[in-house]
PDB file of N, CA and C in Angstrom:
ATOM      1  N   UNK A   1       0.850  -1.167   0.000  1.00  0.00           N
ATOM      2  CA  UNK A   1       0.000   0.000   0.000  1.00  0.00           C
ATOM      3  C   UNK A   1       0.901   1.239   0.000  1.00  0.00           C
ATOM      4  N   UNK A   2       0.648   2.146  -0.925  1.00  0.00           N
ATOM      5  CA  UNK A   2       1.447   3.362  -1.017  1.00  0.00           C
ATOM      6  C   UNK A   2       0.982   4.379   0.029  1.00  0.00           C
ATOM      7  N   UNK A   3       1.771   5.429   0.177  1.00  0.00           N
ATOM      8  CA  UNK A   3       1.400   6.476   1.121  1.00  0.00           C
ATOM      9  C   UNK A   3       0.114   7.174   0.677  1.00  0.00           C
ATOM     10  N   UNK A   4      -0.104   7.248  -0.638  1.00  0.00           N
ATOM     11  CA  UNK A   4      -1.336   7.847  -1.138  1.00  0.00           C
ATOM     12  C   UNK A   4      -2.543   7.042  -0.687  1.00  0.00           C
ATOM     13  N   UNK A   5      -2.479   5.740  -0.853  1.00  0.00           N
ATOM     14  CA  UNK A   5      -3.596   4.885  -0.451  1.00  0.00           C
ATOM     15  C   UNK A   5      -3.775   4.895   1.058  1.00  0.00           C
ATOM     16  N   UNK A   6      -2.686   4.879   1.791  1.00  0.00           N
ATOM     17  CA  UNK A   6      -2.755   4.908   3.248  1.00  0.00           C
ATOM     18  C   UNK A   6      -3.355   6.223   3.733  1.00  0.00           C
ATOM     19  N   UNK A   7      -2.936   7.332   3.122  1.00  0.00           N
ATOM     20  CA  UNK A   7      -3.476   8.638   3.494  1.00  0.00           C
ATOM     21  C   UNK A   7      -4.956   8.739   3.210  1.00  0.00           C
ATOM     22  N   UNK A   8      -5.372   8.239   2.056  1.00  0.00           N
ATOM     23  CA  UNK A   8      -6.796   8.266   1.705  1.00  0.00           C
ATOM     24  C   UNK A   8      -7.605   7.400   2.658  1.00  0.00           C
ATOM     25  N   UNK A   9      -7.140   6.196   2.925  1.00  0.00           N
ATOM     26  CA  UNK A   9      -7.850   5.288   3.828  1.00  0.00           C
ATOM     27  C   UNK A   9      -7.919   5.860   5.242  1.00  0.00           C
ATOM     28  N   UNK A  10      -6.805   6.384   5.726  1.00  0.00           N
ATOM     29  CA  UNK A  10      -6.794   6.977   7.064  1.00  0.00           C
ATOM     30  C   UNK A  10      -7.721   8.174   7.168  1.00  0.00           C
ATOM     31  N   UNK A  11      -7.711   9.009   6.131  1.00  0.00           N
ATOM     32  CA  UNK A  11      -8.599  10.167   6.128  1.00  0.00           C
ATOM     33  C   UNK A  11     -10.060   9.781   6.116  1.00  0.00           C
ATOM     34  N   UNK A  12     -10.389   8.767   5.333  1.00  0.00           N
ATOM     35  CA  UNK A  12     -11.784   8.315   5.296  1.00  0.00           C
ATOM     36  C   UNK A  12     -12.222   7.707   6.619  1.00  0.00           C
ATOM     37  N   UNK A  13     -11.345   6.947   7.248  1.00  0.00           N
ATOM     38  CA  UNK A  13     -11.679   6.353   8.544  1.00  0.00           C
ATOM     39  C   UNK A  13     -11.869   7.434   9.606  1.00  0.00           C
ATOM     40  N   UNK A  14     -10.945   8.406   9.657  1.00  0.00           N
ATOM     41  CA  UNK A  14     -11.068   9.478  10.637  1.00  0.00           C
ATOM     42  C   UNK A  14     -12.298  10.350  10.362  1.00  0.00           C
ATOM     43  N   UNK A  15     -12.560  10.602   9.089  1.00  0.00           N
ATOM     44  CA  UNK A  15     -13.739  11.398   8.748  1.00  0.00           C
ATOM     45  C   UNK A  15     -15.020  10.701   9.124  1.00  0.00           C
ATOM     46  N   UNK A  16     -15.073   9.407   8.895  1.00  0.00           N
ATOM     47  CA  UNK A  16     -16.262   8.635   9.253  1.00  0.00           C
ATOM     48  C   UNK A  16     -16.448   8.605  10.762  1.00  0.00           C
ATOM     49  N   UNK A  17     -15.357   8.450  11.489  1.00  0.00           N
ATOM     50  CA  UNK A  17     -15.438   8.421  12.953  1.00  0.00           C
ATOM     51  C   UNK A  17     -15.876   9.775  13.506  1.00  0.00           C
ATOM     52  N   UNK A  18     -15.470  10.863  12.853  1.00  0.00           N
ATOM     53  CA  UNK A  18     -15.823  12.200  13.337  1.00  0.00           C
ATOM     54  C   UNK A  18     -17.226  12.620  12.923  1.00  0.00           C
ATOM     55  N   UNK A  19     -17.757  11.949  11.937  1.00  0.00           N
ATOM     56  CA  UNK A  19     -19.061  12.350  11.409  1.00  0.00           C
ATOM     57  C   UNK A  19     -20.191  11.918  12.337  1.00  0.00           C
ATOM     58  N   UNK A  20     -21.137  12.775  12.478  1.00  0.00           N
ATOM     59  CA  UNK A  20     -22.301  12.467  13.306  1.00  0.00           C
ATOM     60  C   UNK A  20     -23.314  11.667  12.499  1.00  0.00           C
ATOM     61  N   UNK A  21     -23.437  11.986  11.257  1.00  0.00           N
ATOM     62  CA  UNK A  21     -24.359  11.262  10.385  1.00  0.00           C
ATOM     63  C   UNK A  21     -25.032  12.193   9.419  1.00  0.00           C
ATOM     64  N   UNK A  22     -25.814  11.632   8.530  1.00  0.00           N
ATOM     65  CA  UNK A  22     -26.548  12.425   7.544  1.00  0.00           C
ATOM     66  C   UNK A  22     -25.633  13.010   6.481  1.00  0.00           C
ATOM     67  N   UNK A  23     -26.146  14.027   5.799  1.00  0.00           N
ATOM     68  CA  UNK A  23     -25.406  14.644   4.707  1.00  0.00           C
ATOM     69  C   UNK A  23     -24.170  15.377   5.201  1.00  0.00           C
ATOM     70  N   UNK A  24     -24.260  15.993   6.378  1.00  0.00           N
ATOM     71  CA  UNK A  24     -23.101  16.684   6.943  1.00  0.00           C
ATOM     72  C   UNK A  24     -21.980  15.695   7.218  1.00  0.00           C
ATOM     73  N   UNK A  25     -22.304  14.518   7.698  1.00  0.00           N
ATOM     74  CA  UNK A  25     -21.303  13.487   7.931  1.00  0.00           C
ATOM     75  C   UNK A  25     -20.631  13.044   6.648  1.00  0.00           C
ATOM     76  N   UNK A  26     -21.416  12.943   5.575  1.00  0.00           N
ATOM     77  CA  UNK A  26     -20.857  12.601   4.274  1.00  0.00           C
ATOM     78  C   UNK A  26     -19.853  13.657   3.822  1.00  0.00           C
ATOM     79  N   UNK A  27     -20.208  14.934   3.991  1.00  0.00           N
ATOM     80  CA  UNK A  27     -19.308  16.007   3.574  1.00  0.00           C
ATOM     81  C   UNK A  27     -18.031  16.024   4.403  1.00  0.00           C
ATOM     82  N   UNK A  28     -18.136  15.756   5.698  1.00  0.00           N
ATOM     83  CA  UNK A  28     -16.952  15.700   6.553  1.00  0.00           C
ATOM     84  C   UNK A  28     -16.034  14.561   6.115  1.00  0.00           C
ATOM     85  N   UNK A  29     -16.601  13.381   5.875  1.00  0.00           N
ATOM     86  CA  UNK A  29     -15.803  12.241   5.436  1.00  0.00           C
ATOM     87  C   UNK A  29     -15.153  12.517   4.087  1.00  0.00           C
ATOM     88  N   UNK A  30     -15.860  13.167   3.190  1.00  0.00           N
ATOM     89  CA  UNK A  30     -15.311  13.494   1.882  1.00  0.00           C
ATOM     90  C   UNK A  30     -14.149  14.480   1.994  1.00  0.00           C
ATOM     91  N   UNK A  31     -14.308  15.514   2.812  1.00  0.00           N
ATOM     92  CA  UNK A  31     -13.264  16.523   2.975  1.00  0.00           C
ATOM     93  C   UNK A  31     -12.011  15.937   3.627  1.00  0.00           C
ATOM     94  N   UNK A  32     -12.200  15.151   4.673  1.00  0.00           N
ATOM     95  CA  UNK A  32     -11.045  14.565   5.360  1.00  0.00           C
ATOM     96  C   UNK A  32     -10.376  13.512   4.471  1.00  0.00           C
ATOM     97  N   UNK A  33     -11.155  12.776   3.697  1.00  0.00           N
ATOM     98  CA  UNK A  33     -10.589  11.813   2.758  1.00  0.00           C
ATOM     99  C   UNK A  33      -9.756  12.491   1.682  1.00  0.00           C
ATOM    100  N   UNK A  34     -10.243  13.616   1.163  1.00  0.00           N
ATOM    101  CA  UNK A  34      -9.492  14.365   0.153  1.00  0.00           C
ATOM    102  C   UNK A  34      -8.204  14.921   0.747  1.00  0.00           C
ATOM    103  N   UNK A  35      -8.256  15.394   1.966  1.00  0.00           N
ATOM    104  CA  UNK A  35      -7.054  15.885   2.636  1.00  0.00           C
ATOM    105  C   UNK A  35      -6.036  14.756   2.814  1.00  0.00           C
ATOM    106  N   UNK A  36      -6.498  13.588   3.211  1.00  0.00           N
ATOM    107  CA  UNK A  36      -5.607  12.439   3.344  1.00  0.00           C
ATOM    108  C   UNK A  36      -4.990  12.037   2.018  1.00  0.00           C
ATOM    109  N   UNK A  37      -5.755  12.132   0.939  1.00  0.00           N
ATOM    110  CA  UNK A  37      -5.240  11.821  -0.391  1.00  0.00           C
ATOM    111  C   UNK A  37      -4.138  12.789  -0.792  1.00  0.00           C
ATOM    112  N   UNK A  38      -4.340  14.074  -0.552  1.00  0.00           N
ATOM    113  CA  UNK A  38      -3.337  15.075  -0.898  1.00  0.00           C
ATOM    114  C   UNK A  38      -2.058  14.859  -0.095  1.00  0.00           C
ATOM    115  N   UNK A  39      -2.191  14.616   1.197  1.00  0.00           N
ATOM    116  CA  UNK A  39      -1.019  14.377   2.035  1.00  0.00           C
ATOM    117  C   UNK A  39      -0.273  13.130   1.566  1.00  0.00           C
ATOM    118  N   UNK A  40      -0.991  12.088   1.231  1.00  0.00           N
ATOM    119  CA  UNK A  40      -0.364  10.868   0.734  1.00  0.00           C
ATOM    120  C   UNK A  40       0.380  11.093  -0.565  1.00  0.00           C
ATOM    121  N   UNK A  41      -0.194  11.873  -1.470  1.00  0.00           N
ATOM    122  CA  UNK A  41       0.472  12.155  -2.749  1.00  0.00           C
ATOM    123  C   UNK A  41       1.725  12.993  -2.544  1.00  0.00           C
ATOM    124  N   UNK A  42       1.688  13.929  -1.601  1.00  0.00           N
ATOM    125  CA  UNK A  42       2.879  14.721  -1.299  1.00  0.00           C
ATOM    126  C   UNK A  42       3.972  13.814  -0.749  1.00  0.00           C
ATOM    127  N   UNK A  43       3.605  12.910   0.146  1.00  0.00           N
ATOM    128  CA  UNK A  43       4.595  11.994   0.720  1.00  0.00           C
ATOM    129  C   UNK A  43       5.149  11.025  -0.312  1.00  0.00           C
ATOM    130  N   UNK A  44       4.344  10.651  -1.312  1.00  0.00           N
ATOM    131  CA  UNK A  44       4.817   9.775  -2.386  1.00  0.00           C
ATOM    132  C   UNK A  44       5.674  10.522  -3.391  1.00  0.00           C
ATOM    133  N   UNK A  45       5.672  11.833  -3.361  1.00  0.00           N
ATOM    134  CA  UNK A  45       6.428  12.629  -4.310  1.00  0.00           C
ATOM    135  C   UNK A  45       5.696  12.842  -5.622  1.00  0.00           C
ATOM    136  N   UNK A  46       4.409  12.545  -5.673  1.00  0.00           N
ATOM    137  CA  UNK A  46       3.624  12.713  -6.889  1.00  0.00           C
ATOM    138  C   UNK A  46       3.034  14.111  -6.997  1.00  0.00           C
ATOM    139  N   UNK A  47       3.122  14.896  -5.930  1.00  0.00           N
ATOM    140  CA  UNK A  47       2.527  16.225  -5.909  1.00  0.00           C
ATOM    141  C   UNK A  47       3.457  17.140  -5.130  1.00  0.00           C
ATOM    142  N   UNK A  48       3.733  18.307  -5.694  1.00  0.00           N
ATOM    143  CA  UNK A  48       4.570  19.293  -5.022  1.00  0.00           C
ATOM    144  C   UNK A  48       3.692  20.242  -4.215  1.00  0.00           C
ATOM    145  N   UNK A  49       4.142  20.633  -3.058  1.00  0.00           N
ATOM    146  CA  UNK A  49       3.368  21.541  -2.213  1.00  0.00           C
ATOM    147  C   UNK A  49       3.164  22.878  -2.920  1.00  0.00           C
ATOM    148  N   UNK A  50       4.160  23.323  -3.690  1.00  0.00           N
ATOM    149  CA  UNK A  50       4.024  24.567  -4.441  1.00  0.00           C
ATOM    150  C   UNK A  50       2.895  24.522  -5.455  1.00  0.00           C
ATOM    151  N   UNK A  51       2.593  23.338  -5.991  1.00  0.00           N
ATOM    152  CA  UNK A  51       1.479  23.204  -6.931  1.00  0.00           C
ATOM    153  C   UNK A  51       0.145  23.470  -6.246  1.00  0.00           C
ATOM    154  N   UNK A  52       0.049  23.108  -4.990  1.00  0.00           N
ATOM    155  CA  UNK A  52      -1.197  23.283  -4.246  1.00  0.00           C
ATOM    156  C   UNK A  52      -1.440  24.759  -3.949  1.00  0.00           C
ATOM    157  N   UNK A  53      -0.383  25.461  -3.525  1.00  0.00           N
ATOM    158  CA  UNK A  53      -0.528  26.848  -3.099  1.00  0.00           C
ATOM    159  C   UNK A  53      -0.330  27.846  -4.237  1.00  0.00           C
ATOM    160  N   UNK A  54      -0.113  27.368  -5.463  1.00  0.00           N
ATOM    161  CA  UNK A  54      -0.011  28.263  -6.614  1.00  0.00           C
ATOM    162  C   UNK A  54       1.262  29.077  -6.636  1.00  0.00           C
ATOM    163  N   UNK A  55       2.362  28.464  -6.322  1.00  0.00           N
ATOM    164  CA  UNK A  55       3.658  29.139  -6.341  1.00  0.00           C
ATOM    165  C   UNK A  55       3.887  29.741  -7.721  1.00  0.00           C
ATOM    166  N   UNK A  56       4.475  30.941  -7.774  1.00  0.00           N
ATOM    167  CA  UNK A  56       4.740  31.590  -9.047  1.00  0.00           C
ATOM    168  C   UNK A  56       5.690  30.776  -9.913  1.00  0.00           C
ATOM    169  N   UNK A  57       5.444  30.802 -11.204  1.00  0.00           N
ATOM    170  CA  UNK A  57       6.281  30.046 -12.131  1.00  0.00           C
ATOM    171  C   UNK A  57       7.402  30.935 -12.645  1.00  0.00           C
ATOM    172  N   UNK A  58       8.555  30.327 -12.868  1.00  0.00           N
ATOM    173  CA  UNK A  58       9.694  31.056 -13.434  1.00  0.00           C
ATOM    174  C   UNK A  58       9.449  31.290 -14.919  1.00  0.00           C
ATOM    175  N   UNK A  59       9.781  32.496 -15.373  1.00  0.00           N
ATOM    176  CA  UNK A  59       9.571  32.806 -16.805  1.00  0.00           C
ATOM    177  C   UNK A  59      10.866  32.694 -17.552  1.00  0.00           C
TER     178      UNK A  59
END
C-alpha cells in the first residue's frame, strides 16, 4: 500500500469516525478523505506543495 492509499484510507476512517451522520457526515468524510489523499500524494512525491498553493512560475 502506497502512502497515497494509506493517506486516503486513514482520512476516510477518521472522517467517518468524526461524522455524526446524515449529509453533513458525508461532507466531513469526503473533505477529510481528500485531505488524506493530498497528504499521501505529497509523501509519495507525486505532488509538489508549491502546486497546491499556486507558487509563481519562473519565466
